[in-house]
Amino acid sequence: MKTLLSFLILSATLFFSCKKAETPEILRVTDYSGSYTATGYFYHPSYSRDISMPKTLTFFSENAVACAIGDLGFATGDSAWYVILQIDPATNALSITHYPGMVNGPNAITLFSSGLPATTAYTPQWPQSDICNNTYDPGTGEFRIRYGYTEGSGLRVIEEVLRKNL
């Protein structure tokens, strides 16, 4: 006879299901995790490009999700190309950090809240550049982010609006 054990923890943030003699299955969910549509622009010294793709933001903690950097982690699945987006629930402001345990990948990740960095020749290349102010909008379910990192050939900046799919 199989036994099914299911219970809810932390106001629907963690669901645990296990059948006897099977590996436990864990599904973690918050208001922030889920399926999103990403639109934006990836400013790069030699290969700038539009971003238009599906993204899955995965549970990291109650107010944080893991997210692929631009279009990089999505293609490779390599955690070196992922970041953690932390949401301040009082202000909806975002902070950003590397994914834990990252060995390869970009150097320091930096948020740019007031436009593209003046130290670059980058100019806005898509219509929603001006709303990328590193916030989460609970009314629309959107992350509006502008962040970047420096590699050997220069600064890369990613502007994205991540809209939750209903």
Protein backbone atom coordinates (compact mmCIF):
# COMPACT_ATOMS: atom_id res chain seq x y z
CA MET A 1 0.00 0.00 0.00
CA LYS A 2 1.40 3.40 -0.95
CA THR A 3 1.21 6.29 1.46
CA LEU A 4 0.78 9.83 0.20
CA LEU A 5 1.95 12.64 2.47
CA SER A 6 1.20 16.24 1.58
CA PHE A 7 1.26 19.37 3.69
CA LEU A 8 1.47 23.10 3.29
CA ILE A 9 4.13 25.32 4.91
CA LEU A 10 4.56 29.10 5.09
CA SER A 11 1.31 30.31 3.52
CA ALA A 12 1.58 28.33 0.30
CA THR A 13 5.28 28.92 -0.22
CA LEU A 14 6.35 25.30 0.05
CA PHE A 15 4.50 22.16 -1.00
CA PHE A 16 5.98 18.77 -0.14
CA SER A 17 4.72 15.55 -1.65
CA CYS A 18 6.18 12.11 -1.10
CA LYS A 19 4.99 8.62 -1.95
CA LYS A 20 6.40 5.84 0.21
CA ALA A 21 9.64 4.42 -1.18
CA GLU A 22 9.96 7.25 -3.71
CA THR A 23 12.09 10.37 -3.82
CA PRO A 24 10.36 13.42 -2.29
CA GLU A 25 9.14 16.02 -4.74
CA ILE A 26 9.35 19.64 -3.64
CA LEU A 27 7.60 22.51 -5.37
CA ARG A 28 8.29 25.97 -3.97
CA VAL A 29 6.04 28.85 -4.94
CA THR A 30 5.76 32.55 -4.08
CA ASP A 31 3.94 35.46 -5.68
CA TYR A 32 7.20 36.22 -7.52
CA SER A 33 8.13 32.80 -8.90
CA GLY A 34 6.64 31.43 -12.09
CA SER A 35 6.53 31.84 -15.85
CA TYR A 36 7.35 35.27 -17.30
CA THR A 37 7.78 36.91 -20.68
CA ALA A 38 11.00 38.92 -20.92
CA THR A 39 11.36 41.88 -23.27
CA GLY A 40 14.30 44.21 -23.33
CA TYR A 41 17.73 44.94 -24.67
CA PHE A 42 21.21 43.53 -24.02
CA TYR A 43 23.85 46.26 -24.56
CA HIS A 44 27.18 44.62 -25.42
CA PRO A 45 30.50 46.02 -26.76
CA SER A 46 30.37 43.79 -29.84
CA TYR A 47 27.01 41.96 -29.87
CA SER A 48 24.09 44.08 -28.66
CA ARG A 49 20.69 42.47 -29.17
CA ASP A 50 16.97 42.49 -28.40
CA ILE A 51 15.61 40.25 -25.67
CA SER A 52 12.23 38.64 -26.28
CA MET A 53 11.81 35.26 -24.65
CA PRO A 54 10.06 33.22 -22.00
CA LYS A 55 11.76 33.05 -18.59
CA THR A 56 11.07 31.03 -15.50
CA LEU A 57 11.83 32.75 -12.20
CA THR A 58 12.41 30.10 -9.56
CA PHE A 59 11.97 30.21 -5.81
CA PHE A 60 15.07 31.21 -3.86
CA SER A 61 13.52 32.54 -0.65
CA GLU A 62 10.25 34.12 0.49
CA ASN A 63 11.12 37.42 -1.25
CA ALA A 64 13.72 36.36 -3.80
CA VAL A 65 13.87 34.49 -7.09
CA ALA A 66 16.60 33.12 -9.33
CA CYS A 67 16.68 34.60 -12.83
CA ALA A 68 18.82 34.03 -15.94
CA ILE A 69 21.07 36.98 -16.84
CA GLY A 70 19.63 38.45 -20.03
CA ASP A 71 19.50 35.62 -22.55
CA LEU A 72 22.58 33.81 -21.21
CA GLY A 73 21.61 31.36 -18.46
CA PHE A 74 18.46 30.42 -20.35
CA ALA A 75 20.45 28.87 -23.17
CA THR A 76 23.18 27.22 -21.13
CA GLY A 77 21.37 26.22 -17.93
CA ASP A 78 24.63 27.16 -16.18
CA SER A 79 24.03 28.75 -12.75
CA ALA A 80 27.04 31.01 -13.42
CA TRP A 81 24.72 33.02 -15.65
CA TYR A 82 21.95 33.42 -13.06
CA VAL A 83 21.32 36.11 -10.47
CA ILE A 84 19.13 36.41 -7.40
CA LEU A 85 16.56 39.19 -7.49
CA GLN A 86 15.61 40.20 -3.92
CA ILE A 87 12.33 42.12 -3.54
CA ASP A 88 11.82 44.50 -0.61
CA PRO A 89 8.11 43.88 0.14
CA ALA A 90 7.73 47.31 1.80
CA THR A 91 9.02 49.35 -1.16
CA ASN A 92 9.09 46.83 -4.06
CA ALA A 93 12.70 47.89 -4.72
CA LEU A 94 15.03 45.24 -6.09
CA SER A 95 18.53 44.25 -5.13
CA ILE A 96 20.66 41.80 -7.08
CA THR A 97 23.37 39.27 -6.20
CA HIS A 98 25.20 36.42 -7.90
CA TYR A 99 23.68 32.98 -7.71
CA PRO A 100 25.35 31.16 -4.76
CA GLY A 101 28.29 28.88 -5.48
CA MET A 102 28.95 30.45 -8.85
CA VAL A 103 32.48 29.65 -10.05
CA ASN A 104 32.44 30.98 -13.60
CA GLY A 105 30.33 33.76 -15.03
CA PRO A 106 30.37 37.53 -14.76
CA ASN A 107 32.26 39.67 -12.31
CA ALA A 108 30.30 41.90 -9.93
CA ILE A 109 26.67 42.50 -10.90
CA THR A 110 25.56 46.14 -10.57
CA LEU A 111 22.11 47.75 -10.70
CA PHE A 112 21.73 51.00 -12.65
CA SER A 113 18.58 52.78 -11.45
CA SER A 114 18.79 56.14 -13.18
CA GLY A 115 19.48 55.34 -16.81
CA LEU A 116 22.30 53.78 -18.75
CA PRO A 117 25.75 54.41 -17.26
CA ALA A 118 27.29 57.69 -18.42
CA THR A 119 30.66 55.91 -18.72
CA THR A 120 29.41 54.10 -21.84
CA ALA A 121 28.35 55.17 -25.31
CA TYR A 122 25.13 53.18 -24.92
CA THR A 123 21.90 54.99 -25.76
CA PRO A 124 18.38 53.60 -25.21
CA GLN A 125 17.52 51.10 -27.94
CA TRP A 126 13.99 50.08 -27.05
CA PRO A 127 10.80 51.90 -25.99
CA GLN A 128 10.65 50.77 -22.35
CA SER A 129 14.21 51.70 -21.40
CA ASP A 130 12.95 54.58 -19.25
CA ILE A 131 10.84 52.36 -16.94
CA CYS A 132 13.71 50.03 -15.98
CA ASN A 133 14.14 51.43 -12.48
CA ASN A 134 14.85 48.19 -10.56
CA THR A 135 11.43 47.71 -9.03
CA TYR A 136 8.71 45.10 -8.88
CA ASP A 137 5.19 46.30 -9.72
CA PRO A 138 2.67 44.10 -7.86
CA GLY A 139 -0.21 45.63 -9.86
CA THR A 140 1.13 44.38 -13.19
CA GLY A 141 3.31 41.51 -11.94
CA GLU A 142 6.34 43.09 -13.63
CA PHE A 143 10.00 43.22 -12.74
CA ARG A 144 11.58 46.33 -14.33
CA ILE A 145 15.33 45.90 -14.15
CA ARG A 146 18.57 47.42 -15.45
CA TYR A 147 21.78 45.73 -14.41
CA GLY A 148 25.20 45.02 -15.76
CA TYR A 149 28.61 43.46 -15.39
CA THR A 150 32.08 44.00 -16.84
CA GLU A 151 34.08 41.42 -18.76
CA GLY A 152 37.40 41.77 -20.57
CA SER A 153 35.97 43.64 -23.56
CA GLY A 154 33.86 46.04 -21.51
CA LEU A 155 30.59 46.69 -19.73
CA ARG A 156 27.43 44.81 -20.62
CA VAL A 157 24.07 46.25 -19.54
CA ILE A 158 20.78 44.39 -19.57
CA GLU A 159 17.42 46.18 -19.48
CA GLU A 160 14.41 43.93 -19.06
CA VAL A 161 10.74 44.03 -18.25
CA LEU A 162 9.68 40.62 -16.98
CA ARG A 163 5.87 40.29 -17.12
CA LYS A 164 4.27 37.37 -15.30
CA ASN A 165 2.23 35.09 -17.54
CA LEU A 166 -1.26 34.47 -16.25
